[in-house]
Structure formats: C-alpha cells, structure tokens
Amino acid sequence: MKTKNELVKEHQELTIKKMKMDRFFTLYLDKFGSKMDADKPNTKIWSLYKSKLKEYDDLNRSIKYLDYWISK
C-alpha cells in the first residue's frame, strides 16, 4: 500500500494529465467539431476522439479511486 503522500503526489500528476486532456478536447473540438458527423462515426476524426475519450474516462476513474483512498 502506498503512503498518503505518494497517493497525493500521484493524484496531482493525474490531475495535470487531465487538465492537458481537457485542453486537447477543447482544441480538437474547435478544429474538427464541425467535421464530426454523428451519422458517420467511422472516420479517423471520430476514431481519435473515441480513443482519447476512453483514456480520459480511465484517467477520471483513477483520480476518483485516489480521492477515495486519500480520504481514508
């Protein structure tokens, strides 16, 4: 089991990654949002978006997990 300080440090690192991904999504949607047709989700634009969204969800899950253990 990690110490509380290690958990806090990891939480901070993941939060920074999340902020970078938030920025990516903002820029990506600004640039490609108009080209993302919901009726045609099998494009390269959608593929990258979906893979990054999965990574973002995993990151969020890890942050919530750390929140739980830090609060214990």
PDB file of N, CA and C in Angstrom:
ATOM      1  N   MET A   1       0.847  -1.192   0.000  1.00  0.00           N
ATOM      2  CA  MET A   1       0.000   0.000   0.000  1.00  0.00           C
ATOM      3  C   MET A   1       0.883   1.242   0.000  1.00  0.00           C
ATOM      4  N   LYS A   2       0.490   2.216  -0.761  1.00  0.00           N
ATOM      5  CA  LYS A   2       1.241   3.461  -0.845  1.00  0.00           C
ATOM      6  C   LYS A   2       0.914   4.354   0.348  1.00  0.00           C
ATOM      7  N   THR A   3       1.848   5.234   0.640  1.00  0.00           N
ATOM      8  CA  THR A   3       1.601   6.194   1.709  1.00  0.00           C
ATOM      9  C   THR A   3       0.669   7.286   1.207  1.00  0.00           C
ATOM     10  N   LYS A   4       0.136   8.032   2.136  1.00  0.00           N
ATOM     11  CA  LYS A   4      -0.785   9.104   1.762  1.00  0.00           C
ATOM     12  C   LYS A   4      -0.079  10.144   0.893  1.00  0.00           C
ATOM     13  N   ASN A   5       1.167  10.453   1.211  1.00  0.00           N
ATOM     14  CA  ASN A   5       1.923  11.420   0.405  1.00  0.00           C
ATOM     15  C   ASN A   5       2.122  10.931  -1.030  1.00  0.00           C
ATOM     16  N   GLU A   6       2.379   9.642  -1.189  1.00  0.00           N
ATOM     17  CA  GLU A   6       2.523   9.070  -2.532  1.00  0.00           C
ATOM     18  C   GLU A   6       1.209   9.150  -3.298  1.00  0.00           C
ATOM     19  N   LEU A   7       0.111   8.868  -2.597  1.00  0.00           N
ATOM     20  CA  LEU A   7      -1.204   8.953  -3.229  1.00  0.00           C
ATOM     21  C   LEU A   7      -1.514  10.382  -3.657  1.00  0.00           C
ATOM     22  N   VAL A   8      -1.187  11.349  -2.803  1.00  0.00           N
ATOM     23  CA  VAL A   8      -1.438  12.759  -3.119  1.00  0.00           C
ATOM     24  C   VAL A   8      -0.602  13.182  -4.320  1.00  0.00           C
ATOM     25  N   LYS A   9       0.654  12.747  -4.352  1.00  0.00           N
ATOM     26  CA  LYS A   9       1.529  13.093  -5.482  1.00  0.00           C
ATOM     27  C   LYS A   9       0.983  12.500  -6.781  1.00  0.00           C
ATOM     28  N   GLU A  10       0.580  11.249  -6.733  1.00  0.00           N
ATOM     29  CA  GLU A  10       0.014  10.597  -7.919  1.00  0.00           C
ATOM     30  C   GLU A  10      -1.266  11.313  -8.354  1.00  0.00           C
ATOM     31  N   HIS A  11      -2.081  11.710  -7.390  1.00  0.00           N
ATOM     32  CA  HIS A  11      -3.314  12.442  -7.685  1.00  0.00           C
ATOM     33  C   HIS A  11      -2.991  13.753  -8.411  1.00  0.00           C
ATOM     34  N   GLN A  12      -1.974  14.445  -7.936  1.00  0.00           N
ATOM     35  CA  GLN A  12      -1.585  15.710  -8.567  1.00  0.00           C
ATOM     36  C   GLN A  12      -1.113  15.487 -10.003  1.00  0.00           C
ATOM     37  N   GLU A  13      -0.324  14.436 -10.215  1.00  0.00           N
ATOM     38  CA  GLU A  13       0.165  14.121 -11.555  1.00  0.00           C
ATOM     39  C   GLU A  13      -0.987  13.793 -12.506  1.00  0.00           C
ATOM     40  N   LEU A  14      -1.933  12.997 -12.014  1.00  0.00           N
ATOM     41  CA  LEU A  14      -3.083  12.634 -12.855  1.00  0.00           C
ATOM     42  C   LEU A  14      -3.977  13.839 -13.125  1.00  0.00           C
ATOM     43  N   THR A  15      -4.089  14.723 -12.158  1.00  0.00           N
ATOM     44  CA  THR A  15      -4.886  15.938 -12.353  1.00  0.00           C
ATOM     45  C   THR A  15      -4.265  16.815 -13.433  1.00  0.00           C
ATOM     46  N   ILE A  16      -2.947  16.883 -13.461  1.00  0.00           N
ATOM     47  CA  ILE A  16      -2.262  17.656 -14.506  1.00  0.00           C
ATOM     48  C   ILE A  16      -2.511  17.017 -15.868  1.00  0.00           C
ATOM     49  N   LYS A  17      -2.429  15.677 -15.938  1.00  0.00           N
ATOM     50  CA  LYS A  17      -2.731  14.977 -17.193  1.00  0.00           C
ATOM     51  C   LYS A  17      -4.158  15.269 -17.639  1.00  0.00           C
ATOM     52  N   LYS A  18      -5.080  15.272 -16.684  1.00  0.00           N
ATOM     53  CA  LYS A  18      -6.485  15.533 -17.007  1.00  0.00           C
ATOM     54  C   LYS A  18      -6.655  16.946 -17.559  1.00  0.00           C
ATOM     55  N   MET A  19      -5.957  17.899 -16.967  1.00  0.00           N
ATOM     56  CA  MET A  19      -6.042  19.271 -17.454  1.00  0.00           C
ATOM     57  C   MET A  19      -5.503  19.378 -18.879  1.00  0.00           C
ATOM     58  N   LYS A  20      -4.437  18.646 -19.169  1.00  0.00           N
ATOM     59  CA  LYS A  20      -3.885  18.642 -20.528  1.00  0.00           C
ATOM     60  C   LYS A  20      -4.874  18.016 -21.512  1.00  0.00           C
ATOM     61  N   MET A  21      -5.540  16.969 -21.062  1.00  0.00           N
ATOM     62  CA  MET A  21      -6.532  16.335 -21.934  1.00  0.00           C
ATOM     63  C   MET A  21      -7.743  17.246 -22.141  1.00  0.00           C
ATOM     64  N   ASP A  22      -8.142  17.977 -21.103  1.00  0.00           N
ATOM     65  CA  ASP A  22      -9.227  18.953 -21.260  1.00  0.00           C
ATOM     66  C   ASP A  22      -8.861  19.952 -22.354  1.00  0.00           C
ATOM     67  N   ARG A  23      -7.620  20.405 -22.319  1.00  0.00           N
ATOM     68  CA  ARG A  23      -7.145  21.354 -23.333  1.00  0.00           C
ATOM     69  C   ARG A  23      -7.164  20.708 -24.712  1.00  0.00           C
ATOM     70  N   PHE A  24      -6.726  19.443 -24.801  1.00  0.00           N
ATOM     71  CA  PHE A  24      -6.754  18.729 -26.073  1.00  0.00           C
ATOM     72  C   PHE A  24      -8.172  18.685 -26.637  1.00  0.00           C
ATOM     73  N   PHE A  25      -9.138  18.304 -25.797  1.00  0.00           N
ATOM     74  CA  PHE A  25     -10.520  18.208 -26.269  1.00  0.00           C
ATOM     75  C   PHE A  25     -11.053  19.557 -26.734  1.00  0.00           C
ATOM     76  N   THR A  26     -10.716  20.609 -26.014  1.00  0.00           N
ATOM     77  CA  THR A  26     -11.159  21.940 -26.408  1.00  0.00           C
ATOM     78  C   THR A  26     -10.602  22.291 -27.784  1.00  0.00           C
ATOM     79  N   LEU A  27      -9.308  22.114 -27.967  1.00  0.00           N
ATOM     80  CA  LEU A  27      -8.685  22.440 -29.252  1.00  0.00           C
ATOM     81  C   LEU A  27      -9.169  21.514 -30.364  1.00  0.00           C
ATOM     82  N   TYR A  28      -9.294  20.233 -30.061  1.00  0.00           N
ATOM     83  CA  TYR A  28      -9.726  19.251 -31.054  1.00  0.00           C
ATOM     84  C   TYR A  28     -11.143  19.554 -31.534  1.00  0.00           C
ATOM     85  N   LEU A  29     -12.024  19.836 -30.593  1.00  0.00           N
ATOM     86  CA  LEU A  29     -13.411  20.117 -30.984  1.00  0.00           C
ATOM     87  C   LEU A  29     -13.532  21.460 -31.694  1.00  0.00           C
ATOM     88  N   ASP A  30     -12.702  22.423 -31.311  1.00  0.00           N
ATOM     89  CA  ASP A  30     -12.703  23.694 -32.040  1.00  0.00           C
ATOM     90  C   ASP A  30     -12.291  23.480 -33.494  1.00  0.00           C
ATOM     91  N   LYS A  31     -11.301  22.613 -33.691  1.00  0.00           N
ATOM     92  CA  LYS A  31     -10.780  22.400 -35.045  1.00  0.00           C
ATOM     93  C   LYS A  31     -11.637  21.433 -35.865  1.00  0.00           C
ATOM     94  N   PHE A  32     -12.080  20.341 -35.253  1.00  0.00           N
ATOM     95  CA  PHE A  32     -12.748  19.282 -36.011  1.00  0.00           C
ATOM     96  C   PHE A  32     -14.224  19.093 -35.669  1.00  0.00           C
ATOM     97  N   GLY A  33     -14.751  19.840 -34.723  1.00  0.00           N
ATOM     98  CA  GLY A  33     -16.128  19.654 -34.290  1.00  0.00           C
ATOM     99  C   GLY A  33     -17.141  19.743 -35.421  1.00  0.00           C
ATOM    100  N   SER A  34     -16.911  20.658 -36.336  1.00  0.00           N
ATOM    101  CA  SER A  34     -17.852  20.818 -37.446  1.00  0.00           C
ATOM    102  C   SER A  34     -17.760  19.662 -38.440  1.00  0.00           C
ATOM    103  N   LYS A  35     -16.655  18.911 -38.427  1.00  0.00           N
ATOM    104  CA  LYS A  35     -16.479  17.776 -39.341  1.00  0.00           C
ATOM    105  C   LYS A  35     -16.931  16.460 -38.717  1.00  0.00           C
ATOM    106  N   MET A  36     -17.348  16.501 -37.471  1.00  0.00           N
ATOM    107  CA  MET A  36     -17.754  15.282 -36.769  1.00  0.00           C
ATOM    108  C   MET A  36     -19.255  15.059 -36.956  1.00  0.00           C
ATOM    109  N   ASP A  37     -19.581  14.262 -37.955  1.00  0.00           N
ATOM    110  CA  ASP A  37     -20.972  13.953 -38.268  1.00  0.00           C
ATOM    111  C   ASP A  37     -21.402  12.738 -37.452  1.00  0.00           C
ATOM    112  N   ALA A  38     -22.409  12.912 -36.625  1.00  0.00           N
ATOM    113  CA  ALA A  38     -22.888  11.822 -35.765  1.00  0.00           C
ATOM    114  C   ALA A  38     -23.429  10.646 -36.573  1.00  0.00           C
ATOM    115  N   ASP A  39     -23.823  10.887 -37.804  1.00  0.00           N
ATOM    116  CA  ASP A  39     -24.331   9.813 -38.659  1.00  0.00           C
ATOM    117  C   ASP A  39     -23.205   8.991 -39.277  1.00  0.00           C
ATOM    118  N   LYS A  40     -21.971   9.510 -39.230  1.00  0.00           N
ATOM    119  CA  LYS A  40     -20.810   8.805 -39.789  1.00  0.00           C
ATOM    120  C   LYS A  40     -19.702   8.729 -38.735  1.00  0.00           C
ATOM    121  N   PRO A  41     -19.887   7.864 -37.735  1.00  0.00           N
ATOM    122  CA  PRO A  41     -18.907   7.797 -36.638  1.00  0.00           C
ATOM    123  C   PRO A  41     -17.670   6.947 -36.948  1.00  0.00           C
ATOM    124  N   ASN A  42     -17.517   6.444 -38.165  1.00  0.00           N
ATOM    125  CA  ASN A  42     -16.391   5.567 -38.500  1.00  0.00           C
ATOM    126  C   ASN A  42     -15.302   6.302 -39.273  1.00  0.00           C
ATOM    127  N   THR A  43     -15.007   7.528 -38.876  1.00  0.00           N
ATOM    128  CA  THR A  43     -13.959   8.295 -39.533  1.00  0.00           C
ATOM    129  C   THR A  43     -12.729   8.366 -38.635  1.00  0.00           C
ATOM    130  N   LYS A  44     -11.610   8.819 -39.203  1.00  0.00           N
ATOM    131  CA  LYS A  44     -10.375   8.962 -38.415  1.00  0.00           C
ATOM    132  C   LYS A  44     -10.554   9.998 -37.313  1.00  0.00           C
ATOM    133  N   ILE A  45     -11.305  11.031 -37.596  1.00  0.00           N
ATOM    134  CA  ILE A  45     -11.550  12.084 -36.605  1.00  0.00           C
ATOM    135  C   ILE A  45     -12.280  11.502 -35.403  1.00  0.00           C
ATOM    136  N   TRP A  46     -13.326  10.729 -35.671  1.00  0.00           N
ATOM    137  CA  TRP A  46     -14.083  10.098 -34.585  1.00  0.00           C
ATOM    138  C   TRP A  46     -13.237   9.057 -33.861  1.00  0.00           C
ATOM    139  N   SER A  47     -12.427   8.322 -34.607  1.00  0.00           N
ATOM    140  CA  SER A  47     -11.600   7.273 -34.008  1.00  0.00           C
ATOM    141  C   SER A  47     -10.640   7.853 -32.969  1.00  0.00           C
ATOM    142  N   LEU A  48      -9.953   8.931 -33.319  1.00  0.00           N
ATOM    143  CA  LEU A  48      -9.048   9.573 -32.374  1.00  0.00           C
ATOM    144  C   LEU A  48      -9.815  10.116 -31.178  1.00  0.00           C
ATOM    145  N   TYR A  49     -10.961  10.737 -31.442  1.00  0.00           N
ATOM    146  CA  TYR A  49     -11.776  11.300 -30.370  1.00  0.00           C
ATOM    147  C   TYR A  49     -12.205  10.207 -29.384  1.00  0.00           C
ATOM    148  N   LYS A  50     -12.664   9.086 -29.919  1.00  0.00           N
ATOM    149  CA  LYS A  50     -13.125   7.985 -29.056  1.00  0.00           C
ATOM    150  C   LYS A  50     -11.982   7.390 -28.243  1.00  0.00           C
ATOM    151  N   SER A  51     -10.807   7.245 -28.854  1.00  0.00           N
ATOM    152  CA  SER A  51      -9.675   6.671 -28.117  1.00  0.00           C
ATOM    153  C   SER A  51      -9.226   7.615 -27.006  1.00  0.00           C
ATOM    154  N   LYS A  52      -9.213   8.923 -27.276  1.00  0.00           N
ATOM    155  CA  LYS A  52      -8.841   9.897 -26.253  1.00  0.00           C
ATOM    156  C   LYS A  52      -9.909   9.965 -25.165  1.00  0.00           C
ATOM    157  N   LEU A  53     -11.163   9.805 -25.547  1.00  0.00           N
ATOM    158  CA  LEU A  53     -12.244   9.825 -24.574  1.00  0.00           C
ATOM    159  C   LEU A  53     -12.144   8.630 -23.630  1.00  0.00           C
ATOM    160  N   LYS A  54     -11.773   7.475 -24.166  1.00  0.00           N
ATOM    161  CA  LYS A  54     -11.575   6.294 -23.318  1.00  0.00           C
ATOM    162  C   LYS A  54     -10.420   6.544 -22.343  1.00  0.00           C
ATOM    163  N   GLU A  55      -9.338   7.119 -22.846  1.00  0.00           N
ATOM    164  CA  GLU A  55      -8.191   7.445 -21.992  1.00  0.00           C
ATOM    165  C   GLU A  55      -8.602   8.437 -20.899  1.00  0.00           C
ATOM    166  N   TYR A  56      -9.422   9.410 -21.271  1.00  0.00           N
ATOM    167  CA  TYR A  56      -9.921  10.418 -20.327  1.00  0.00           C
ATOM    168  C   TYR A  56     -10.785   9.765 -19.250  1.00  0.00           C
ATOM    169  N   ASP A  57     -11.654   8.854 -19.653  1.00  0.00           N
ATOM    170  CA  ASP A  57     -12.505   8.137 -18.695  1.00  0.00           C
ATOM    171  C   ASP A  57     -11.678   7.305 -17.722  1.00  0.00           C
ATOM    172  N   ASP A  58     -10.654   6.630 -18.246  1.00  0.00           N
ATOM    173  CA  ASP A  58      -9.767   5.845 -17.385  1.00  0.00           C
ATOM    174  C   ASP A  58      -9.041   6.747 -16.392  1.00  0.00           C
ATOM    175  N   LEU A  59      -8.613   7.892 -16.864  1.00  0.00           N
ATOM    176  CA  LEU A  59      -7.925   8.854 -16.009  1.00  0.00           C
ATOM    177  C   LEU A  59      -8.853   9.358 -14.908  1.00  0.00           C
ATOM    178  N   ASN A  60     -10.079   9.682 -15.276  1.00  0.00           N
ATOM    179  CA  ASN A  60     -11.077  10.125 -14.294  1.00  0.00           C
ATOM    180  C   ASN A  60     -11.323   9.053 -13.242  1.00  0.00           C
ATOM    181  N   ARG A  61     -11.421   7.816 -13.681  1.00  0.00           N
ATOM    182  CA  ARG A  61     -11.654   6.702 -12.768  1.00  0.00           C
ATOM    183  C   ARG A  61     -10.487   6.579 -11.783  1.00  0.00           C
ATOM    184  N   SER A  62      -9.275   6.720 -12.278  1.00  0.00           N
ATOM    185  CA  SER A  62      -8.097   6.646 -11.416  1.00  0.00           C
ATOM    186  C   SER A  62      -8.074   7.779 -10.393  1.00  0.00           C
ATOM    187  N   ILE A  63      -8.461   8.962 -10.830  1.00  0.00           N
ATOM    188  CA  ILE A  63      -8.496  10.104  -9.919  1.00  0.00           C
ATOM    189  C   ILE A  63      -9.533   9.881  -8.821  1.00  0.00           C
ATOM    190  N   LYS A  64     -10.692   9.380  -9.183  1.00  0.00           N
ATOM    191  CA  LYS A  64     -11.727   9.100  -8.183  1.00  0.00           C
ATOM    192  C   LYS A  64     -11.277   8.016  -7.209  1.00  0.00           C
ATOM    193  N   TYR A  65     -10.592   7.023  -7.720  1.00  0.00           N
ATOM    194  CA  TYR A  65     -10.043   5.963  -6.876  1.00  0.00           C
ATOM    195  C   TYR A  65      -9.058   6.549  -5.860  1.00  0.00           C
ATOM    196  N   LEU A  66      -8.180   7.426  -6.343  1.00  0.00           N
ATOM    197  CA  LEU A  66      -7.225   8.063  -5.442  1.00  0.00           C
ATOM    198  C   LEU A  66      -7.923   8.968  -4.431  1.00  0.00           C
ATOM    199  N   ASP A  67      -8.938   9.697  -4.874  1.00  0.00           N
ATOM    200  CA  ASP A  67      -9.716  10.537  -3.953  1.00  0.00           C
ATOM    201  C   ASP A  67     -10.243   9.699  -2.791  1.00  0.00           C
ATOM    202  N   TYR A  68     -10.763   8.533  -3.129  1.00  0.00           N
ATOM    203  CA  TYR A  68     -11.316   7.651  -2.101  1.00  0.00           C
ATOM    204  C   TYR A  68     -10.236   7.241  -1.101  1.00  0.00           C
ATOM    205  N   TRP A  69      -9.069   6.781  -1.607  1.00  0.00           N
ATOM    206  CA  TRP A  69      -8.022   6.294  -0.718  1.00  0.00           C
ATOM    207  C   TRP A  69      -7.351   7.421   0.067  1.00  0.00           C
ATOM    208  N   ILE A  70      -7.278   8.593  -0.501  1.00  0.00           N
ATOM    209  CA  ILE A  70      -6.687   9.726   0.217  1.00  0.00           C
ATOM    210  C   ILE A  70      -7.596  10.135   1.381  1.00  0.00           C
ATOM    211  N   SER A  71      -8.896  10.053   1.164  1.00  0.00           N
ATOM    212  CA  SER A  71      -9.849  10.459   2.211  1.00  0.00           C
ATOM    213  C   SER A  71      -9.926   9.462   3.368  1.00  0.00           C
ATOM    214  N   LYS A  72      -9.429   8.255   3.178  1.00  0.00           N
ATOM    215  CA  LYS A  72      -9.454   7.221   4.233  1.00  0.00           C
ATOM    216  C   LYS A  72      -8.425   7.466   5.291  1.00  0.00           C
TER     217      LYS A  72
END
